[in-house]
Amino acid sequence: MTQYDRMPHLTFVKGDITEQQVDAVVNAANSSLLGGGGVDGAIHRKGGPEILAACRKLRAGHYGSGLAVGQAVATTAGRLPARAVIHTVGPVWQPGEDRSELLASCYRESLRVADELGAAGVAFPAISTGIYGWPMDDGARIAVKTVRETVTSVAEVRFVLYDEAALAAFVAYQ
């Protein structure tokens, strides 16, 4: 197997991640797994109470203290058109502190979970670039580079960006 035999096809779209018809959508979650703002809030609202119930089960079990930054775990997608939601907690950007490995881990771990699910298509948001303050250009660079370098059986990775500026930042690294 060569590097190119295992590399997923990357697509970049401006849109709503909750409307993506893929096997799994990635949620830029907070460590509580119990919903929040931005992508996390949208996924919980549109996915319905099934997602929150699944997250509560995770919190009652192995993830009693929450999900660690850079890790990923899957739940049902509830009412979303996807089969599963992969929750990952991105790092908060800190000037003067290199946390890029934690951000890269979000993408790697999400692809690992997608492989465990047998997902052929996965939709990612721009993790940590919203309220967590990560500069969009750097977040796009890390996301695209990490996905390209990660061994996975996922056939398509779709980056779903919320506006033209985010889309342009990601497309620049294709």
N, C-alpha and C. Protein backbone atom coordinates (compact mmCIF):
# COMPACT_ATOMS: atom_id res chain seq x y z
N MET A 1 0.85 -1.18 0.00
CA MET A 1 0.00 0.00 0.00
C MET A 1 0.89 1.24 0.00
N THR A 2 0.68 2.12 -0.95
CA THR A 2 1.44 3.36 -0.99
C THR A 2 0.73 4.42 -0.17
N GLN A 3 1.40 5.52 0.03
CA GLN A 3 0.81 6.63 0.78
C GLN A 3 -0.51 7.07 0.13
N TYR A 4 -0.58 7.06 -1.19
CA TYR A 4 -1.76 7.56 -1.88
C TYR A 4 -2.91 6.56 -1.89
N ASP A 5 -2.63 5.28 -1.65
CA ASP A 5 -3.69 4.27 -1.59
C ASP A 5 -4.54 4.44 -0.32
N ARG A 6 -3.98 5.04 0.68
CA ARG A 6 -4.68 5.14 1.96
C ARG A 6 -5.16 6.55 2.28
N MET A 7 -4.86 7.49 1.41
CA MET A 7 -5.23 8.87 1.69
C MET A 7 -6.68 9.12 1.29
N PRO A 8 -7.50 9.63 2.21
CA PRO A 8 -8.88 9.91 1.84
C PRO A 8 -8.96 11.06 0.84
N HIS A 9 -10.03 11.07 0.08
CA HIS A 9 -10.31 12.19 -0.81
C HIS A 9 -10.79 13.34 0.08
N LEU A 10 -10.21 14.52 -0.09
CA LEU A 10 -10.60 15.68 0.71
C LEU A 10 -11.53 16.57 -0.10
N THR A 11 -12.64 16.97 0.52
CA THR A 11 -13.53 17.95 -0.08
C THR A 11 -13.74 19.08 0.91
N PHE A 12 -14.02 20.25 0.38
CA PHE A 12 -14.18 21.45 1.19
C PHE A 12 -15.47 22.13 0.77
N VAL A 13 -16.39 22.32 1.71
CA VAL A 13 -17.67 22.93 1.40
C VAL A 13 -18.04 23.97 2.45
N LYS A 14 -18.74 25.00 2.00
CA LYS A 14 -19.34 25.94 2.93
C LYS A 14 -20.73 25.40 3.22
N GLY A 15 -21.06 25.23 4.48
CA GLY A 15 -22.37 24.68 4.79
C GLY A 15 -22.59 24.41 6.26
N ASP A 16 -23.62 23.63 6.51
CA ASP A 16 -24.07 23.27 7.84
C ASP A 16 -23.69 21.81 8.10
N ILE A 17 -22.83 21.58 9.06
CA ILE A 17 -22.36 20.21 9.33
C ILE A 17 -23.51 19.29 9.74
N THR A 18 -24.57 19.85 10.31
CA THR A 18 -25.68 19.00 10.76
C THR A 18 -26.52 18.48 9.59
N GLU A 19 -26.28 18.97 8.40
CA GLU A 19 -27.03 18.52 7.22
C GLU A 19 -26.24 17.58 6.32
N GLN A 20 -25.05 17.20 6.74
CA GLN A 20 -24.18 16.37 5.91
C GLN A 20 -24.62 14.91 5.94
N GLN A 21 -24.77 14.33 4.75
CA GLN A 21 -25.13 12.93 4.63
C GLN A 21 -23.85 12.11 4.47
N VAL A 22 -23.25 11.83 5.60
CA VAL A 22 -22.02 11.04 5.68
C VAL A 22 -22.21 10.00 6.77
N ASP A 23 -21.26 9.10 6.89
CA ASP A 23 -21.37 8.09 7.94
C ASP A 23 -21.21 8.71 9.33
N ALA A 24 -20.31 9.69 9.45
CA ALA A 24 -20.07 10.30 10.76
C ALA A 24 -19.77 11.79 10.62
N VAL A 25 -20.32 12.57 11.52
CA VAL A 25 -19.96 13.97 11.63
C VAL A 25 -19.14 14.14 12.91
N VAL A 26 -18.16 14.99 12.85
CA VAL A 26 -17.32 15.25 14.01
C VAL A 26 -17.85 16.48 14.72
N ASN A 27 -18.02 16.35 16.02
CA ASN A 27 -18.50 17.43 16.87
C ASN A 27 -17.33 18.06 17.60
N ALA A 28 -17.18 19.36 17.46
CA ALA A 28 -16.19 20.11 18.23
C ALA A 28 -16.81 20.32 19.62
N ALA A 29 -16.69 19.31 20.44
CA ALA A 29 -17.37 19.26 21.73
C ALA A 29 -16.57 19.95 22.83
N ASN A 30 -17.24 20.17 23.95
CA ASN A 30 -16.49 20.56 25.14
C ASN A 30 -16.31 19.30 25.98
N SER A 31 -15.46 19.35 26.96
CA SER A 31 -15.11 18.14 27.70
C SER A 31 -16.28 17.51 28.46
N SER A 32 -17.31 18.28 28.74
CA SER A 32 -18.46 17.72 29.47
C SER A 32 -19.27 16.75 28.61
N LEU A 33 -19.18 16.90 27.29
CA LEU A 33 -19.97 16.12 26.32
C LEU A 33 -21.46 16.40 26.40
N LEU A 34 -21.85 17.41 27.14
CA LEU A 34 -23.28 17.62 27.38
C LEU A 34 -23.85 18.80 26.60
N GLY A 35 -23.19 19.19 25.53
CA GLY A 35 -23.68 20.28 24.70
C GLY A 35 -23.04 21.59 25.06
N GLY A 36 -23.19 22.54 24.18
CA GLY A 36 -22.59 23.86 24.39
C GLY A 36 -23.01 24.78 23.27
N GLY A 37 -22.11 25.64 22.85
CA GLY A 37 -22.39 26.59 21.78
C GLY A 37 -21.78 26.14 20.48
N GLY A 38 -21.87 26.96 19.47
CA GLY A 38 -21.26 26.70 18.17
C GLY A 38 -21.69 25.39 17.56
N VAL A 39 -20.72 24.67 16.98
CA VAL A 39 -20.97 23.37 16.35
C VAL A 39 -21.59 22.40 17.36
N ASP A 40 -21.06 22.38 18.56
CA ASP A 40 -21.55 21.48 19.60
C ASP A 40 -23.04 21.70 19.87
N GLY A 41 -23.44 22.94 20.06
CA GLY A 41 -24.85 23.24 20.30
C GLY A 41 -25.73 22.89 19.12
N ALA A 42 -25.24 23.18 17.91
CA ALA A 42 -26.02 22.87 16.70
C ALA A 42 -26.24 21.37 16.56
N ILE A 43 -25.21 20.59 16.79
CA ILE A 43 -25.32 19.13 16.68
C ILE A 43 -26.30 18.58 17.71
N HIS A 44 -26.20 19.06 18.94
CA HIS A 44 -27.12 18.59 19.98
C HIS A 44 -28.56 19.02 19.69
N ARG A 45 -28.75 20.26 19.21
CA ARG A 45 -30.11 20.72 18.92
C ARG A 45 -30.74 19.94 17.78
N LYS A 46 -30.03 19.83 16.66
CA LYS A 46 -30.59 19.15 15.49
C LYS A 46 -30.62 17.64 15.65
N GLY A 47 -29.67 17.09 16.39
CA GLY A 47 -29.63 15.64 16.59
C GLY A 47 -30.66 15.13 17.56
N GLY A 48 -31.15 16.02 18.41
CA GLY A 48 -32.20 15.65 19.35
C GLY A 48 -31.69 15.03 20.63
N PRO A 49 -32.61 14.63 21.48
CA PRO A 49 -32.28 14.14 22.82
C PRO A 49 -31.50 12.83 22.83
N GLU A 50 -31.50 12.09 21.72
CA GLU A 50 -30.77 10.82 21.68
C GLU A 50 -29.26 11.03 21.86
N ILE A 51 -28.75 12.12 21.30
CA ILE A 51 -27.32 12.39 21.43
C ILE A 51 -26.97 12.73 22.88
N LEU A 52 -27.76 13.59 23.49
CA LEU A 52 -27.52 13.94 24.89
C LEU A 52 -27.62 12.72 25.79
N ALA A 53 -28.60 11.86 25.54
CA ALA A 53 -28.76 10.64 26.34
C ALA A 53 -27.52 9.75 26.20
N ALA A 54 -27.01 9.62 24.98
CA ALA A 54 -25.80 8.80 24.77
C ALA A 54 -24.60 9.42 25.46
N CYS A 55 -24.49 10.74 25.41
CA CYS A 55 -23.38 11.42 26.09
C CYS A 55 -23.48 11.27 27.61
N ARG A 56 -24.68 11.30 28.13
CA ARG A 56 -24.87 11.10 29.58
C ARG A 56 -24.44 9.69 29.99
N LYS A 57 -24.71 8.71 29.13
CA LYS A 57 -24.26 7.34 29.41
C LYS A 57 -22.74 7.28 29.45
N LEU A 58 -22.09 7.96 28.51
CA LEU A 58 -20.63 8.00 28.51
C LEU A 58 -20.10 8.62 29.80
N ARG A 59 -20.73 9.71 30.24
CA ARG A 59 -20.31 10.39 31.46
C ARG A 59 -20.56 9.53 32.69
N ALA A 60 -21.57 8.68 32.64
CA ALA A 60 -21.87 7.79 33.77
C ALA A 60 -20.90 6.61 33.82
N GLY A 61 -20.17 6.40 32.73
CA GLY A 61 -19.25 5.27 32.65
C GLY A 61 -17.81 5.72 32.61
N HIS A 62 -17.11 5.31 31.56
CA HIS A 62 -15.67 5.54 31.42
C HIS A 62 -15.27 7.01 31.40
N TYR A 63 -16.15 7.89 30.98
CA TYR A 63 -15.82 9.31 30.86
C TYR A 63 -16.46 10.14 31.96
N GLY A 64 -16.42 9.63 33.18
CA GLY A 64 -17.03 10.30 34.32
C GLY A 64 -16.54 11.70 34.56
N SER A 65 -15.27 11.96 34.25
CA SER A 65 -14.74 13.31 34.44
C SER A 65 -14.69 14.08 33.13
N GLY A 66 -15.31 13.53 32.09
CA GLY A 66 -15.35 14.21 30.81
C GLY A 66 -14.34 13.65 29.83
N LEU A 67 -14.37 14.16 28.62
CA LEU A 67 -13.47 13.73 27.56
C LEU A 67 -12.26 14.65 27.54
N ALA A 68 -11.08 14.07 27.51
CA ALA A 68 -9.85 14.85 27.52
C ALA A 68 -9.61 15.55 26.18
N VAL A 69 -8.94 16.67 26.22
CA VAL A 69 -8.56 17.40 25.01
C VAL A 69 -7.74 16.48 24.11
N GLY A 70 -8.10 16.47 22.82
CA GLY A 70 -7.38 15.67 21.84
C GLY A 70 -7.90 14.25 21.68
N GLN A 71 -8.85 13.84 22.51
CA GLN A 71 -9.41 12.50 22.42
C GLN A 71 -10.73 12.54 21.64
N ALA A 72 -11.25 11.37 21.29
CA ALA A 72 -12.51 11.29 20.54
C ALA A 72 -13.29 10.06 20.97
N VAL A 73 -14.62 10.18 20.88
CA VAL A 73 -15.52 9.08 21.21
C VAL A 73 -16.79 9.25 20.38
N ALA A 74 -17.44 8.14 20.05
CA ALA A 74 -18.62 8.19 19.18
C ALA A 74 -19.91 7.94 19.96
N THR A 75 -20.98 8.54 19.43
CA THR A 75 -22.33 8.26 19.90
C THR A 75 -23.24 8.14 18.68
N THR A 76 -24.49 7.85 18.96
CA THR A 76 -25.50 7.89 17.92
C THR A 76 -25.55 9.30 17.32
N ALA A 77 -26.10 9.40 16.12
CA ALA A 77 -26.30 10.72 15.51
C ALA A 77 -27.73 11.21 15.73
N GLY A 78 -28.52 10.43 16.44
CA GLY A 78 -29.89 10.85 16.71
C GLY A 78 -30.65 11.14 15.43
N ARG A 79 -31.14 12.34 15.30
CA ARG A 79 -31.96 12.75 14.16
C ARG A 79 -31.16 13.35 13.00
N LEU A 80 -29.84 13.35 13.10
CA LEU A 80 -29.01 13.85 12.01
C LEU A 80 -29.00 12.84 10.86
N PRO A 81 -28.71 13.26 9.64
CA PRO A 81 -28.65 12.30 8.53
C PRO A 81 -27.43 11.37 8.59
N ALA A 82 -26.47 11.64 9.43
CA ALA A 82 -25.30 10.78 9.61
C ALA A 82 -25.67 9.57 10.47
N ARG A 83 -24.78 8.56 10.46
CA ARG A 83 -25.00 7.38 11.32
C ARG A 83 -24.47 7.60 12.73
N ALA A 84 -23.42 8.41 12.86
CA ALA A 84 -22.77 8.59 14.16
C ALA A 84 -22.23 10.01 14.30
N VAL A 85 -22.06 10.40 15.55
CA VAL A 85 -21.35 11.64 15.87
C VAL A 85 -20.08 11.25 16.60
N ILE A 86 -18.96 11.78 16.12
CA ILE A 86 -17.68 11.58 16.79
C ILE A 86 -17.37 12.88 17.53
N HIS A 87 -17.36 12.80 18.84
CA HIS A 87 -17.11 13.98 19.68
C HIS A 87 -15.60 14.08 19.95
N THR A 88 -15.05 15.26 19.76
CA THR A 88 -13.65 15.49 20.09
C THR A 88 -13.53 16.85 20.74
N VAL A 89 -12.60 16.97 21.67
CA VAL A 89 -12.42 18.22 22.40
C VAL A 89 -11.13 18.88 21.93
N GLY A 90 -11.29 20.01 21.26
CA GLY A 90 -10.12 20.75 20.79
C GLY A 90 -9.51 21.60 21.89
N PRO A 91 -8.25 21.96 21.70
CA PRO A 91 -7.59 22.82 22.67
C PRO A 91 -7.99 24.28 22.51
N VAL A 92 -7.94 25.02 23.58
CA VAL A 92 -8.10 26.47 23.54
C VAL A 92 -6.75 27.03 23.10
N TRP A 93 -6.75 27.93 22.13
CA TRP A 93 -5.51 28.52 21.64
C TRP A 93 -4.91 29.43 22.70
N GLN A 94 -3.62 29.26 22.92
CA GLN A 94 -2.90 30.06 23.89
C GLN A 94 -1.69 30.71 23.23
N PRO A 95 -1.67 32.03 23.09
CA PRO A 95 -0.49 32.67 22.50
C PRO A 95 0.75 32.32 23.33
N GLY A 96 1.81 31.99 22.64
CA GLY A 96 3.05 31.67 23.34
C GLY A 96 3.16 30.23 23.82
N GLU A 97 2.12 29.42 23.61
CA GLU A 97 2.16 28.02 24.01
C GLU A 97 1.76 27.17 22.81
N ASP A 98 2.62 26.26 22.39
CA ASP A 98 2.34 25.43 21.23
C ASP A 98 1.46 24.26 21.63
N ARG A 99 0.20 24.34 21.26
CA ARG A 99 -0.76 23.27 21.55
C ARG A 99 -1.20 22.58 20.27
N SER A 100 -0.41 22.76 19.20
CA SER A 100 -0.79 22.22 17.89
C SER A 100 -0.88 20.69 17.88
N GLU A 101 -0.09 20.02 18.69
CA GLU A 101 -0.17 18.55 18.73
C GLU A 101 -1.52 18.10 19.29
N LEU A 102 -2.07 18.84 20.23
CA LEU A 102 -3.39 18.50 20.76
C LEU A 102 -4.47 18.69 19.68
N LEU A 103 -4.34 19.76 18.88
CA LEU A 103 -5.30 19.97 17.81
C LEU A 103 -5.16 18.86 16.76
N ALA A 104 -3.95 18.52 16.38
CA ALA A 104 -3.73 17.44 15.42
C ALA A 104 -4.32 16.12 15.96
N SER A 105 -4.18 15.89 17.25
CA SER A 105 -4.71 14.67 17.87
C SER A 105 -6.23 14.57 17.70
N CYS A 106 -6.93 15.70 17.72
CA CYS A 106 -8.39 15.67 17.51
C CYS A 106 -8.72 15.04 16.17
N TYR A 107 -7.98 15.41 15.13
CA TYR A 107 -8.24 14.87 13.79
C TYR A 107 -7.82 13.41 13.70
N ARG A 108 -6.64 13.07 14.23
CA ARG A 108 -6.18 11.67 14.20
C ARG A 108 -7.11 10.76 14.97
N GLU A 109 -7.46 11.17 16.18
CA GLU A 109 -8.32 10.33 17.03
C GLU A 109 -9.73 10.19 16.43
N SER A 110 -10.23 11.24 15.82
CA SER A 110 -11.54 11.16 15.17
C SER A 110 -11.50 10.18 14.01
N LEU A 111 -10.42 10.18 13.24
CA LEU A 111 -10.28 9.22 12.14
C LEU A 111 -10.13 7.79 12.67
N ARG A 112 -9.44 7.65 13.81
CA ARG A 112 -9.32 6.32 14.42
C ARG A 112 -10.69 5.79 14.81
N VAL A 113 -11.51 6.63 15.44
CA VAL A 113 -12.86 6.23 15.82
C VAL A 113 -13.69 5.95 14.57
N ALA A 114 -13.55 6.77 13.54
CA ALA A 114 -14.27 6.54 12.29
C ALA A 114 -13.91 5.18 11.70
N ASP A 115 -12.64 4.81 11.76
CA ASP A 115 -12.22 3.49 11.28
C ASP A 115 -12.89 2.39 12.09
N GLU A 116 -12.96 2.56 13.41
CA GLU A 116 -13.62 1.57 14.26
C GLU A 116 -15.10 1.42 13.90
N LEU A 117 -15.71 2.52 13.46
CA LEU A 117 -17.12 2.50 13.07
C LEU A 117 -17.33 1.97 11.65
N GLY A 118 -16.24 1.83 10.90
CA GLY A 118 -16.35 1.44 9.50
C GLY A 118 -16.89 2.56 8.62
N ALA A 119 -16.66 3.79 9.01
CA ALA A 119 -17.16 4.95 8.28
C ALA A 119 -16.37 5.19 7.01
N ALA A 120 -17.09 5.35 5.91
CA ALA A 120 -16.44 5.67 4.64
C ALA A 120 -16.34 7.18 4.43
N GLY A 121 -17.30 7.93 4.96
CA GLY A 121 -17.31 9.38 4.82
C GLY A 121 -17.44 10.05 6.17
N VAL A 122 -16.59 11.07 6.40
CA VAL A 122 -16.59 11.80 7.67
C VAL A 122 -16.58 13.30 7.37
N ALA A 123 -17.42 14.04 8.07
CA ALA A 123 -17.46 15.50 7.95
C ALA A 123 -16.86 16.14 9.20
N PHE A 124 -15.89 17.01 8.98
CA PHE A 124 -15.22 17.73 10.07
C PHE A 124 -15.56 19.21 10.03
N PRO A 125 -15.72 19.83 11.21
CA PRO A 125 -15.75 21.28 11.28
C PRO A 125 -14.30 21.78 11.44
N ALA A 126 -14.13 23.06 11.53
CA ALA A 126 -12.81 23.65 11.80
C ALA A 126 -12.63 23.67 13.32
N ILE A 127 -12.13 22.57 13.86
CA ILE A 127 -12.02 22.39 15.31
C ILE A 127 -11.17 23.48 15.95
N SER A 128 -11.65 24.01 17.05
CA SER A 128 -11.00 25.01 17.91
C SER A 128 -10.92 26.41 17.32
N THR A 129 -11.44 26.64 16.11
CA THR A 129 -11.29 27.96 15.49
C THR A 129 -12.42 28.93 15.82
N GLY A 130 -13.39 28.49 16.57
CA GLY A 130 -14.48 29.37 16.99
C GLY A 130 -14.16 30.01 18.33
N ILE A 131 -14.98 29.70 19.31
CA ILE A 131 -14.84 30.30 20.64
C ILE A 131 -13.50 29.95 21.30
N TYR A 132 -12.87 28.85 20.86
CA TYR A 132 -11.58 28.46 21.45
C TYR A 132 -10.42 29.27 20.89
N GLY A 133 -10.70 30.13 19.92
CA GLY A 133 -9.75 31.16 19.51
C GLY A 133 -8.60 30.78 18.61
N TRP A 134 -8.57 29.55 18.10
CA TRP A 134 -7.44 29.14 17.26
C TRP A 134 -7.48 29.94 15.96
N PRO A 135 -6.38 30.54 15.52
CA PRO A 135 -6.38 31.28 14.26
C PRO A 135 -6.76 30.36 13.10
N MET A 136 -7.70 30.82 12.27
CA MET A 136 -8.26 29.98 11.21
C MET A 136 -7.19 29.45 10.28
N ASP A 137 -6.27 30.28 9.84
CA ASP A 137 -5.25 29.83 8.88
C ASP A 137 -4.42 28.69 9.47
N ASP A 138 -4.00 28.83 10.71
CA ASP A 138 -3.19 27.80 11.35
C ASP A 138 -4.03 26.54 11.62
N GLY A 139 -5.27 26.73 12.04
CA GLY A 139 -6.16 25.59 12.26
C GLY A 139 -6.39 24.80 10.98
N ALA A 140 -6.54 25.50 9.86
CA ALA A 140 -6.73 24.85 8.57
C ALA A 140 -5.47 24.08 8.17
N ARG A 141 -4.33 24.69 8.36
CA ARG A 141 -3.06 24.03 8.02
C ARG A 141 -2.89 22.73 8.81
N ILE A 142 -3.12 22.79 10.10
CA ILE A 142 -2.98 21.61 10.96
C ILE A 142 -4.00 20.54 10.57
N ALA A 143 -5.23 20.94 10.32
CA ALA A 143 -6.29 19.98 9.97
C ALA A 143 -5.96 19.23 8.68
N VAL A 144 -5.66 19.96 7.63
CA VAL A 144 -5.41 19.33 6.33
C VAL A 144 -4.15 18.48 6.37
N LYS A 145 -3.09 19.00 6.97
CA LYS A 145 -1.82 18.25 7.07
C LYS A 145 -2.03 16.95 7.86
N THR A 146 -2.73 17.03 8.97
CA THR A 146 -2.94 15.86 9.82
C THR A 146 -3.77 14.80 9.11
N VAL A 147 -4.85 15.21 8.47
CA VAL A 147 -5.69 14.24 7.76
C VAL A 147 -4.89 13.58 6.64
N ARG A 148 -4.11 14.36 5.91
CA ARG A 148 -3.30 13.79 4.83
C ARG A 148 -2.27 12.79 5.34
N GLU A 149 -1.78 12.97 6.54
CA GLU A 149 -0.71 12.12 7.08
C GLU A 149 -1.23 10.95 7.92
N THR A 150 -2.52 10.88 8.16
CA THR A 150 -3.08 9.84 9.01
C THR A 150 -3.51 8.63 8.19
N VAL A 151 -3.03 7.46 8.58
CA VAL A 151 -3.44 6.22 7.93
C VAL A 151 -4.88 5.93 8.36
N THR A 152 -5.76 5.79 7.38
CA THR A 152 -7.17 5.58 7.67
C THR A 152 -7.83 4.83 6.52
N SER A 153 -8.92 4.15 6.82
CA SER A 153 -9.71 3.51 5.76
C SER A 153 -10.86 4.41 5.31
N VAL A 154 -11.00 5.59 5.91
CA VAL A 154 -12.02 6.55 5.50
C VAL A 154 -11.74 6.98 4.06
N ALA A 155 -12.75 6.90 3.22
CA ALA A 155 -12.58 7.23 1.80
C ALA A 155 -12.69 8.73 1.52
N GLU A 156 -13.59 9.42 2.24
CA GLU A 156 -13.77 10.86 2.02
C GLU A 156 -13.78 11.59 3.35
N VAL A 157 -12.97 12.64 3.43
CA VAL A 157 -13.03 13.58 4.54
C VAL A 157 -13.55 14.88 3.95
N ARG A 158 -14.66 15.32 4.50
CA ARG A 158 -15.29 16.56 4.05
C ARG A 158 -15.12 17.60 5.15
N PHE A 159 -14.44 18.69 4.82
CA PHE A 159 -14.34 19.80 5.76
C PHE A 159 -15.52 20.72 5.49
N VAL A 160 -16.38 20.89 6.48
CA VAL A 160 -17.59 21.70 6.34
C VAL A 160 -17.35 23.00 7.11
N LEU A 161 -17.21 24.08 6.35
CA LEU A 161 -16.85 25.37 6.92
C LEU A 161 -18.05 26.31 6.91
N TYR A 162 -18.11 27.16 7.90
CA TYR A 162 -19.31 27.97 8.13
C TYR A 162 -19.34 29.27 7.34
N ASP A 163 -18.22 29.74 6.79
CA ASP A 163 -18.27 30.96 5.99
C ASP A 163 -17.18 30.94 4.92
N GLU A 164 -17.22 31.94 4.05
CA GLU A 164 -16.29 32.01 2.92
C GLU A 164 -14.84 32.12 3.38
N ALA A 165 -14.58 32.88 4.45
CA ALA A 165 -13.21 33.05 4.93
C ALA A 165 -12.63 31.72 5.42
N ALA A 166 -13.43 30.97 6.14
CA ALA A 166 -12.97 29.66 6.63
C ALA A 166 -12.75 28.72 5.46
N LEU A 167 -13.68 28.72 4.52
CA LEU A 167 -13.54 27.87 3.33
C LEU A 167 -12.25 28.22 2.58
N ALA A 168 -11.99 29.48 2.38
CA ALA A 168 -10.77 29.91 1.67
C ALA A 168 -9.51 29.47 2.41
N ALA A 169 -9.53 29.54 3.73
CA ALA A 169 -8.35 29.14 4.52
C ALA A 169 -8.07 27.65 4.33
N PHE A 170 -9.11 26.82 4.33
CA PHE A 170 -8.92 25.38 4.17
C PHE A 170 -8.53 25.03 2.73
N VAL A 171 -9.19 25.63 1.76
CA VAL A 171 -8.89 25.36 0.36
C VAL A 171 -7.43 25.69 0.03
N ALA A 172 -6.89 26.70 0.69
CA ALA A 172 -5.50 27.11 0.45
C ALA A 172 -4.52 25.98 0.76
N TYR A 173 -4.89 25.02 1.59
CA TYR A 173 -3.99 23.93 1.98
C TYR A 173 -4.30 22.63 1.25
N GLN A 174 -5.24 22.65 0.32
CA GLN A 174 -5.56 21.41 -0.38
C GLN A 174 -4.41 21.02 -1.26
